[in-house]
Amino acid sequence: MAEEKSLIEYPSQFPIKVMGAQVDGFVEAIAHVARQFDPGFDASTIEQRPSKGGNYLGLTITITATSREQLDELYRTLTTHPMVKVVL
């Protein structure tokens, strides 16, 4: 069986959207997770979009992706984080 070819070239800049409740510490918590997987991650690059009602906050973090395994583990870590509602 042939090895599955990745559609992503590594390393590359890879944006990830994260939704969570608009609470104190959410942005910092997501930045902390991002730095675990990309030590060079710059929190000042996080894009923030509050929901219309102001209850939720959408973040876009852009990390340097180095492997499929790194991305899979990052998605797993984000989706199981107690402050995170959705990861895209």
PDB file of N, CA and C in Angstrom:
ATOM      1  N   MET A   1       0.847  -1.188   0.000  1.00  0.00           N
ATOM      2  CA  MET A   1       0.000   0.000   0.000  1.00  0.00           C
ATOM      3  C   MET A   1       0.883   1.239   0.000  1.00  0.00           C
ATOM      4  N   ALA A   2       0.638   2.140  -0.915  1.00  0.00           N
ATOM      5  CA  ALA A   2       1.455   3.345  -1.044  1.00  0.00           C
ATOM      6  C   ALA A   2       1.226   4.276   0.144  1.00  0.00           C
ATOM      7  N   GLU A   3       2.287   4.969   0.531  1.00  0.00           N
ATOM      8  CA  GLU A   3       2.172   5.932   1.627  1.00  0.00           C
ATOM      9  C   GLU A   3       1.310   7.103   1.161  1.00  0.00           C
ATOM     10  N   GLU A   4       0.419   7.538   2.034  1.00  0.00           N
ATOM     11  CA  GLU A   4      -0.480   8.652   1.705  1.00  0.00           C
ATOM     12  C   GLU A   4       0.338   9.934   1.538  1.00  0.00           C
ATOM     13  N   LYS A   5       0.177  10.581   0.391  1.00  0.00           N
ATOM     14  CA  LYS A   5       0.921  11.815   0.137  1.00  0.00           C
ATOM     15  C   LYS A   5       0.206  12.987   0.801  1.00  0.00           C
ATOM     16  N   SER A   6       0.973  13.785   1.500  1.00  0.00           N
ATOM     17  CA  SER A   6       0.394  14.935   2.177  1.00  0.00           C
ATOM     18  C   SER A   6       0.137  16.058   1.178  1.00  0.00           C
ATOM     19  N   LEU A   7      -0.971  16.762   1.382  1.00  0.00           N
ATOM     20  CA  LEU A   7      -1.275  17.922   0.549  1.00  0.00           C
ATOM     21  C   LEU A   7      -0.586  19.169   1.099  1.00  0.00           C
ATOM     22  N   ILE A   8       0.002  19.035   2.283  1.00  0.00           N
ATOM     23  CA  ILE A   8       0.686  20.152   2.924  1.00  0.00           C
ATOM     24  C   ILE A   8       2.185  19.926   2.809  1.00  0.00           C
ATOM     25  N   GLU A   9       2.891  20.953   2.397  1.00  0.00           N
ATOM     26  CA  GLU A   9       4.349  20.862   2.390  1.00  0.00           C
ATOM     27  C   GLU A   9       4.861  21.355   3.727  1.00  0.00           C
ATOM     28  N   TYR A  10       5.814  20.639   4.294  1.00  0.00           N
ATOM     29  CA  TYR A  10       6.374  21.013   5.598  1.00  0.00           C
ATOM     30  C   TYR A  10       7.799  21.487   5.421  1.00  0.00           C
ATOM     31  N   PRO A  11       8.243  22.460   6.208  1.00  0.00           N
ATOM     32  CA  PRO A  11       7.414  23.265   7.109  1.00  0.00           C
ATOM     33  C   PRO A  11       6.592  24.300   6.337  1.00  0.00           C
ATOM     34  N   SER A  12       5.466  24.686   6.921  1.00  0.00           N
ATOM     35  CA  SER A  12       4.632  25.719   6.303  1.00  0.00           C
ATOM     36  C   SER A  12       3.848  26.455   7.378  1.00  0.00           C
ATOM     37  N   GLN A  13       3.407  27.648   7.017  1.00  0.00           N
ATOM     38  CA  GLN A  13       2.552  28.424   7.915  1.00  0.00           C
ATOM     39  C   GLN A  13       1.151  27.860   7.794  1.00  0.00           C
ATOM     40  N   PHE A  14       0.562  27.474   8.922  1.00  0.00           N
ATOM     41  CA  PHE A  14      -0.717  26.770   8.901  1.00  0.00           C
ATOM     42  C   PHE A  14      -1.706  27.448   9.843  1.00  0.00           C
ATOM     43  N   PRO A  15      -2.775  28.057   9.290  1.00  0.00           N
ATOM     44  CA  PRO A  15      -3.769  28.727  10.146  1.00  0.00           C
ATOM     45  C   PRO A  15      -4.770  27.737  10.731  1.00  0.00           C
ATOM     46  N   ILE A  16      -5.119  27.947  11.986  1.00  0.00           N
ATOM     47  CA  ILE A  16      -6.109  27.120  12.679  1.00  0.00           C
ATOM     48  C   ILE A  16      -7.100  28.055  13.357  1.00  0.00           C
ATOM     49  N   LYS A  17      -8.387  27.803  13.144  1.00  0.00           N
ATOM     50  CA  LYS A  17      -9.428  28.621  13.787  1.00  0.00           C
ATOM     51  C   LYS A  17      -9.883  27.919  15.062  1.00  0.00           C
ATOM     52  N   VAL A  18      -9.976  28.699  16.136  1.00  0.00           N
ATOM     53  CA  VAL A  18     -10.365  28.170  17.446  1.00  0.00           C
ATOM     54  C   VAL A  18     -11.477  29.053  17.997  1.00  0.00           C
ATOM     55  N   MET A  19     -12.602  28.435  18.376  1.00  0.00           N
ATOM     56  CA  MET A  19     -13.717  29.179  18.974  1.00  0.00           C
ATOM     57  C   MET A  19     -13.844  28.802  20.439  1.00  0.00           C
ATOM     58  N   GLY A  20     -14.116  29.812  21.248  1.00  0.00           N
ATOM     59  CA  GLY A  20     -14.335  29.555  22.667  1.00  0.00           C
ATOM     60  C   GLY A  20     -15.148  30.680  23.270  1.00  0.00           C
ATOM     61  N   ALA A  21     -15.535  30.484  24.530  1.00  0.00           N
ATOM     62  CA  ALA A  21     -16.271  31.529  25.232  1.00  0.00           C
ATOM     63  C   ALA A  21     -15.361  32.734  25.411  1.00  0.00           C
ATOM     64  N   GLN A  22     -15.941  33.924  25.334  1.00  0.00           N
ATOM     65  CA  GLN A  22     -15.153  35.146  25.514  1.00  0.00           C
ATOM     66  C   GLN A  22     -14.952  35.356  27.020  1.00  0.00           C
ATOM     67  N   VAL A  23     -13.866  34.767  27.522  1.00  0.00           N
ATOM     68  CA  VAL A  23     -13.553  34.851  28.951  1.00  0.00           C
ATOM     69  C   VAL A  23     -12.094  35.264  29.114  1.00  0.00           C
ATOM     70  N   ASP A  24     -11.794  35.836  30.274  1.00  0.00           N
ATOM     71  CA  ASP A  24     -10.410  36.205  30.573  1.00  0.00           C
ATOM     72  C   ASP A  24      -9.525  34.969  30.497  1.00  0.00           C
ATOM     73  N   GLY A  25      -8.382  35.128  29.866  1.00  0.00           N
ATOM     74  CA  GLY A  25      -7.410  34.048  29.815  1.00  0.00           C
ATOM     75  C   GLY A  25      -7.521  33.139  28.602  1.00  0.00           C
ATOM     76  N   PHE A  26      -8.587  33.282  27.792  1.00  0.00           N
ATOM     77  CA  PHE A  26      -8.770  32.393  26.640  1.00  0.00           C
ATOM     78  C   PHE A  26      -7.643  32.566  25.620  1.00  0.00           C
ATOM     79  N   VAL A  27      -7.372  33.803  25.241  1.00  0.00           N
ATOM     80  CA  VAL A  27      -6.325  34.061  24.237  1.00  0.00           C
ATOM     81  C   VAL A  27      -4.976  33.553  24.749  1.00  0.00           C
ATOM     82  N   GLU A  28      -4.675  33.825  26.012  1.00  0.00           N
ATOM     83  CA  GLU A  28      -3.398  33.400  26.593  1.00  0.00           C
ATOM     84  C   GLU A  28      -3.296  31.875  26.640  1.00  0.00           C
ATOM     85  N   ALA A  29      -4.409  31.211  26.963  1.00  0.00           N
ATOM     86  CA  ALA A  29      -4.403  29.743  27.036  1.00  0.00           C
ATOM     87  C   ALA A  29      -4.125  29.129  25.667  1.00  0.00           C
ATOM     88  N   ILE A  30      -4.745  29.685  24.632  1.00  0.00           N
ATOM     89  CA  ILE A  30      -4.537  29.163  23.277  1.00  0.00           C
ATOM     90  C   ILE A  30      -3.118  29.460  22.811  1.00  0.00           C
ATOM     91  N   ALA A  31      -2.593  30.634  23.139  1.00  0.00           N
ATOM     92  CA  ALA A  31      -1.202  30.967  22.797  1.00  0.00           C
ATOM     93  C   ALA A  31      -0.242  29.991  23.475  1.00  0.00           C
ATOM     94  N   HIS A  32      -0.539  29.627  24.712  1.00  0.00           N
ATOM     95  CA  HIS A  32       0.305  28.675  25.448  1.00  0.00           C
ATOM     96  C   HIS A  32       0.327  27.317  24.742  1.00  0.00           C
ATOM     97  N   VAL A  33      -0.844  26.844  24.313  1.00  0.00           N
ATOM     98  CA  VAL A  33      -0.920  25.572  23.591  1.00  0.00           C
ATOM     99  C   VAL A  33      -0.142  25.676  22.283  1.00  0.00           C
ATOM    100  N   ALA A  34      -0.326  26.772  21.556  1.00  0.00           N
ATOM    101  CA  ALA A  34       0.370  26.950  20.275  1.00  0.00           C
ATOM    102  C   ALA A  34       1.882  26.888  20.469  1.00  0.00           C
ATOM    103  N   ARG A  35       2.381  27.517  21.535  1.00  0.00           N
ATOM    104  CA  ARG A  35       3.831  27.514  21.798  1.00  0.00           C
ATOM    105  C   ARG A  35       4.354  26.127  22.153  1.00  0.00           C
ATOM    106  N   GLN A  36       3.504  25.268  22.697  1.00  0.00           N
ATOM    107  CA  GLN A  36       3.925  23.890  22.996  1.00  0.00           C
ATOM    108  C   GLN A  36       4.283  23.150  21.709  1.00  0.00           C
ATOM    109  N   PHE A  37       3.597  23.489  20.624  1.00  0.00           N
ATOM    110  CA  PHE A  37       3.803  22.795  19.358  1.00  0.00           C
ATOM    111  C   PHE A  37       4.677  23.582  18.387  1.00  0.00           C
ATOM    112  N   ASP A  38       4.792  24.869  18.597  1.00  0.00           N
ATOM    113  CA  ASP A  38       5.617  25.747  17.756  1.00  0.00           C
ATOM    114  C   ASP A  38       6.297  26.750  18.689  1.00  0.00           C
ATOM    115  N   PRO A  39       7.505  26.414  19.172  1.00  0.00           N
ATOM    116  CA  PRO A  39       8.186  27.276  20.145  1.00  0.00           C
ATOM    117  C   PRO A  39       8.398  28.709  19.650  1.00  0.00           C
ATOM    118  N   GLY A  40       8.400  28.910  18.342  1.00  0.00           N
ATOM    119  CA  GLY A  40       8.583  30.253  17.792  1.00  0.00           C
ATOM    120  C   GLY A  40       7.280  31.008  17.598  1.00  0.00           C
ATOM    121  N   PHE A  41       6.153  30.448  18.069  1.00  0.00           N
ATOM    122  CA  PHE A  41       4.856  31.076  17.871  1.00  0.00           C
ATOM    123  C   PHE A  41       4.825  32.461  18.507  1.00  0.00           C
ATOM    124  N   ASP A  42       4.313  33.435  17.751  1.00  0.00           N
ATOM    125  CA  ASP A  42       4.223  34.826  18.212  1.00  0.00           C
ATOM    126  C   ASP A  42       2.761  35.152  18.504  1.00  0.00           C
ATOM    127  N   ALA A  43       2.433  35.312  19.787  1.00  0.00           N
ATOM    128  CA  ALA A  43       1.045  35.556  20.193  1.00  0.00           C
ATOM    129  C   ALA A  43       0.474  36.845  19.605  1.00  0.00           C
ATOM    130  N   SER A  44       1.344  37.777  19.210  1.00  0.00           N
ATOM    131  CA  SER A  44       0.838  39.031  18.638  1.00  0.00           C
ATOM    132  C   SER A  44       0.221  38.823  17.254  1.00  0.00           C
ATOM    133  N   THR A  45       0.413  37.636  16.677  1.00  0.00           N
ATOM    134  CA  THR A  45      -0.155  37.350  15.353  1.00  0.00           C
ATOM    135  C   THR A  45      -1.554  36.744  15.441  1.00  0.00           C
ATOM    136  N   ILE A  46      -2.070  36.517  16.642  1.00  0.00           N
ATOM    137  CA  ILE A  46      -3.407  35.929  16.796  1.00  0.00           C
ATOM    138  C   ILE A  46      -4.461  36.923  16.309  1.00  0.00           C
ATOM    139  N   GLU A  47      -5.317  36.447  15.414  1.00  0.00           N
ATOM    140  CA  GLU A  47      -6.440  37.270  14.946  1.00  0.00           C
ATOM    141  C   GLU A  47      -7.649  36.946  15.824  1.00  0.00           C
ATOM    142  N   GLN A  48      -8.369  37.993  16.250  1.00  0.00           N
ATOM    143  CA  GLN A  48      -9.518  37.812  17.128  1.00  0.00           C
ATOM    144  C   GLN A  48     -10.783  38.371  16.485  1.00  0.00           C
ATOM    145  N   ARG A  49     -11.880  37.593  16.575  1.00  0.00           N
ATOM    146  CA  ARG A  49     -13.178  38.036  16.078  1.00  0.00           C
ATOM    147  C   ARG A  49     -14.249  37.668  17.095  1.00  0.00           C
ATOM    148  N   PRO A  50     -14.789  38.660  17.803  1.00  0.00           N
ATOM    149  CA  PRO A  50     -15.881  38.359  18.741  1.00  0.00           C
ATOM    150  C   PRO A  50     -17.163  38.030  17.983  1.00  0.00           C
ATOM    151  N   SER A  51     -18.004  37.191  18.576  1.00  0.00           N
ATOM    152  CA  SER A  51     -19.302  36.873  17.978  1.00  0.00           C
ATOM    153  C   SER A  51     -20.222  38.087  18.082  1.00  0.00           C
ATOM    154  N   LYS A  52     -21.301  38.055  17.308  1.00  0.00           N
ATOM    155  CA  LYS A  52     -22.242  39.189  17.312  1.00  0.00           C
ATOM    156  C   LYS A  52     -22.776  39.469  18.715  1.00  0.00           C
ATOM    157  N   GLY A  53     -23.086  38.416  19.445  1.00  0.00           N
ATOM    158  CA  GLY A  53     -23.635  38.589  20.787  1.00  0.00           C
ATOM    159  C   GLY A  53     -22.576  38.861  21.845  1.00  0.00           C
ATOM    160  N   GLY A  54     -21.314  38.708  21.456  1.00  0.00           N
ATOM    161  CA  GLY A  54     -20.230  38.971  22.398  1.00  0.00           C
ATOM    162  C   GLY A  54     -19.956  37.849  23.379  1.00  0.00           C
ATOM    163  N   ASN A  55     -20.629  36.709  23.203  1.00  0.00           N
ATOM    164  CA  ASN A  55     -20.422  35.595  24.133  1.00  0.00           C
ATOM    165  C   ASN A  55     -19.240  34.715  23.749  1.00  0.00           C
ATOM    166  N   TYR A  56     -18.897  34.704  22.465  1.00  0.00           N
ATOM    167  CA  TYR A  56     -17.835  33.837  21.971  1.00  0.00           C
ATOM    168  C   TYR A  56     -16.756  34.657  21.294  1.00  0.00           C
ATOM    169  N   LEU A  57     -15.567  34.048  21.218  1.00  0.00           N
ATOM    170  CA  LEU A  57     -14.438  34.693  20.571  1.00  0.00           C
ATOM    171  C   LEU A  57     -13.821  33.702  19.600  1.00  0.00           C
ATOM    172  N   GLY A  58     -13.684  34.117  18.342  1.00  0.00           N
ATOM    173  CA  GLY A  58     -13.020  33.300  17.338  1.00  0.00           C
ATOM    174  C   GLY A  58     -11.580  33.756  17.211  1.00  0.00           C
ATOM    175  N   LEU A  59     -10.664  32.805  17.269  1.00  0.00           N
ATOM    176  CA  LEU A  59      -9.240  33.116  17.131  1.00  0.00           C
ATOM    177  C   LEU A  59      -8.705  32.390  15.911  1.00  0.00           C
ATOM    178  N   THR A  60      -7.773  33.022  15.216  1.00  0.00           N
ATOM    179  CA  THR A  60      -6.999  32.324  14.203  1.00  0.00           C
ATOM    180  C   THR A  60      -5.548  32.365  14.652  1.00  0.00           C
ATOM    181  N   ILE A  61      -5.004  31.172  14.871  1.00  0.00           N
ATOM    182  CA  ILE A  61      -3.582  31.079  15.208  1.00  0.00           C
ATOM    183  C   ILE A  61      -2.880  30.510  13.981  1.00  0.00           C
ATOM    184  N   THR A  62      -1.724  31.031  13.662  1.00  0.00           N
ATOM    185  CA  THR A  62      -0.954  30.519  12.531  1.00  0.00           C
ATOM    186  C   THR A  62       0.357  29.988  13.073  1.00  0.00           C
ATOM    187  N   ILE A  63       0.509  28.676  12.980  1.00  0.00           N
ATOM    188  CA  ILE A  63       1.716  28.041  13.496  1.00  0.00           C
ATOM    189  C   ILE A  63       2.598  27.586  12.341  1.00  0.00           C
ATOM    190  N   THR A  64       3.844  27.306  12.644  1.00  0.00           N
ATOM    191  CA  THR A  64       4.735  26.687  11.673  1.00  0.00           C
ATOM    192  C   THR A  64       4.550  25.187  11.797  1.00  0.00           C
ATOM    193  N   ALA A  65       3.880  24.606  10.814  1.00  0.00           N
ATOM    194  CA  ALA A  65       3.622  23.168  10.816  1.00  0.00           C
ATOM    195  C   ALA A  65       4.850  22.435  10.306  1.00  0.00           C
ATOM    196  N   THR A  66       5.276  21.432  11.055  1.00  0.00           N
ATOM    197  CA  THR A  66       6.474  20.680  10.669  1.00  0.00           C
ATOM    198  C   THR A  66       6.167  19.237  10.287  1.00  0.00           C
ATOM    199  N   SER A  67       4.964  18.736  10.649  1.00  0.00           N
ATOM    200  CA  SER A  67       4.598  17.367  10.290  1.00  0.00           C
ATOM    201  C   SER A  67       3.102  17.150  10.486  1.00  0.00           C
ATOM    202  N   ARG A  68       2.591  16.115   9.866  1.00  0.00           N
ATOM    203  CA  ARG A  68       1.189  15.736  10.041  1.00  0.00           C
ATOM    204  C   ARG A  68       0.943  15.357  11.499  1.00  0.00           C
ATOM    205  N   GLU A  69       1.918  14.644  12.086  1.00  0.00           N
ATOM    206  CA  GLU A  69       1.788  14.217  13.479  1.00  0.00           C
ATOM    207  C   GLU A  69       1.672  15.419  14.417  1.00  0.00           C
ATOM    208  N   GLN A  70       2.459  16.458  14.147  1.00  0.00           N
ATOM    209  CA  GLN A  70       2.398  17.673  14.967  1.00  0.00           C
ATOM    210  C   GLN A  70       1.004  18.299  14.874  1.00  0.00           C
ATOM    211  N   LEU A  71       0.476  18.409  13.666  1.00  0.00           N
ATOM    212  CA  LEU A  71      -0.852  19.004  13.481  1.00  0.00           C
ATOM    213  C   LEU A  71      -1.932  18.156  14.142  1.00  0.00           C
ATOM    214  N   ASP A  72      -1.859  16.839  13.978  1.00  0.00           N
ATOM    215  CA  ASP A  72      -2.857  15.955  14.598  1.00  0.00           C
ATOM    216  C   ASP A  72      -2.851  16.126  16.107  1.00  0.00           C
ATOM    217  N   GLU A  73      -1.680  16.171  16.692  1.00  0.00           N
ATOM    218  CA  GLU A  73      -1.575  16.297  18.148  1.00  0.00           C
ATOM    219  C   GLU A  73      -2.048  17.676  18.610  1.00  0.00           C
ATOM    220  N   LEU A  74      -1.736  18.709  17.837  1.00  0.00           N
ATOM    221  CA  LEU A  74      -2.194  20.055  18.176  1.00  0.00           C
ATOM    222  C   LEU A  74      -3.729  20.114  18.139  1.00  0.00           C
ATOM    223  N   TYR A  75      -4.336  19.552  17.096  1.00  0.00           N
ATOM    224  CA  TYR A  75      -5.802  19.521  17.011  1.00  0.00           C
ATOM    225  C   TYR A  75      -6.397  18.762  18.198  1.00  0.00           C
ATOM    226  N   ARG A  76      -5.787  17.613  18.547  1.00  0.00           N
ATOM    227  CA  ARG A  76      -6.278  16.835  19.695  1.00  0.00           C
ATOM    228  C   ARG A  76      -6.194  17.649  20.983  1.00  0.00           C
ATOM    229  N   THR A  77      -5.084  18.332  21.172  1.00  0.00           N
ATOM    230  CA  THR A  77      -4.888  19.124  22.388  1.00  0.00           C
ATOM    231  C   THR A  77      -5.895  20.266  22.454  1.00  0.00           C
ATOM    232  N   LEU A  78      -6.108  20.952  21.326  1.00  0.00           N
ATOM    233  CA  LEU A  78      -7.063  22.065  21.308  1.00  0.00           C
ATOM    234  C   LEU A  78      -8.499  21.581  21.519  1.00  0.00           C
ATOM    235  N   THR A  79      -8.897  20.498  20.845  1.00  0.00           N
ATOM    236  CA  THR A  79     -10.280  20.049  20.939  1.00  0.00           C
ATOM    237  C   THR A  79     -10.616  19.524  22.326  1.00  0.00           C
ATOM    238  N   THR A  80      -9.632  19.096  23.093  1.00  0.00           N
ATOM    239  CA  THR A  80      -9.895  18.597  24.449  1.00  0.00           C
ATOM    240  C   THR A  80      -9.695  19.672  25.503  1.00  0.00           C
ATOM    241  N   HIS A  81      -9.257  20.882  25.089  1.00  0.00           N
ATOM    242  CA  HIS A  81      -9.037  21.972  26.043  1.00  0.00           C
ATOM    243  C   HIS A  81     -10.396  22.433  26.582  1.00  0.00           C
ATOM    244  N   PRO A  82     -10.512  22.613  27.916  1.00  0.00           N
ATOM    245  CA  PRO A  82     -11.815  22.971  28.497  1.00  0.00           C
ATOM    246  C   PRO A  82     -12.373  24.321  28.054  1.00  0.00           C
ATOM    247  N   MET A  83     -11.524  25.237  27.554  1.00  0.00           N
ATOM    248  CA  MET A  83     -12.017  26.561  27.136  1.00  0.00           C
ATOM    249  C   MET A  83     -12.440  26.587  25.672  1.00  0.00           C
ATOM    250  N   VAL A  84     -12.143  25.525  24.937  1.00  0.00           N
ATOM    251  CA  VAL A  84     -12.378  25.501  23.489  1.00  0.00           C
ATOM    252  C   VAL A  84     -13.709  24.825  23.175  1.00  0.00           C
ATOM    253  N   LYS A  85     -14.485  25.471  22.296  1.00  0.00           N
ATOM    254  CA  LYS A  85     -15.762  24.915  21.833  1.00  0.00           C
ATOM    255  C   LYS A  85     -15.598  24.196  20.494  1.00  0.00           C
ATOM    256  N   VAL A  86     -14.870  24.822  19.545  1.00  0.00           N
ATOM    257  CA  VAL A  86     -14.729  24.289  18.188  1.00  0.00           C
ATOM    258  C   VAL A  86     -13.329  24.586  17.668  1.00  0.00           C
ATOM    259  N   VAL A  87     -12.772  23.632  16.903  1.00  0.00           N
ATOM    260  CA  VAL A  87     -11.490  23.844  16.218  1.00  0.00           C
ATOM    261  C   VAL A  87     -11.694  23.515  14.747  1.00  0.00           C
ATOM    262  N   LEU A  88     -11.307  24.443  13.875  1.00  0.00           N
ATOM    263  CA  LEU A  88     -11.428  24.227  12.419  1.00  0.00           C
ATOM    264  C   LEU A  88     -10.074  24.351  11.760  1.00  0.00           C
TER     265      LEU A  88
END
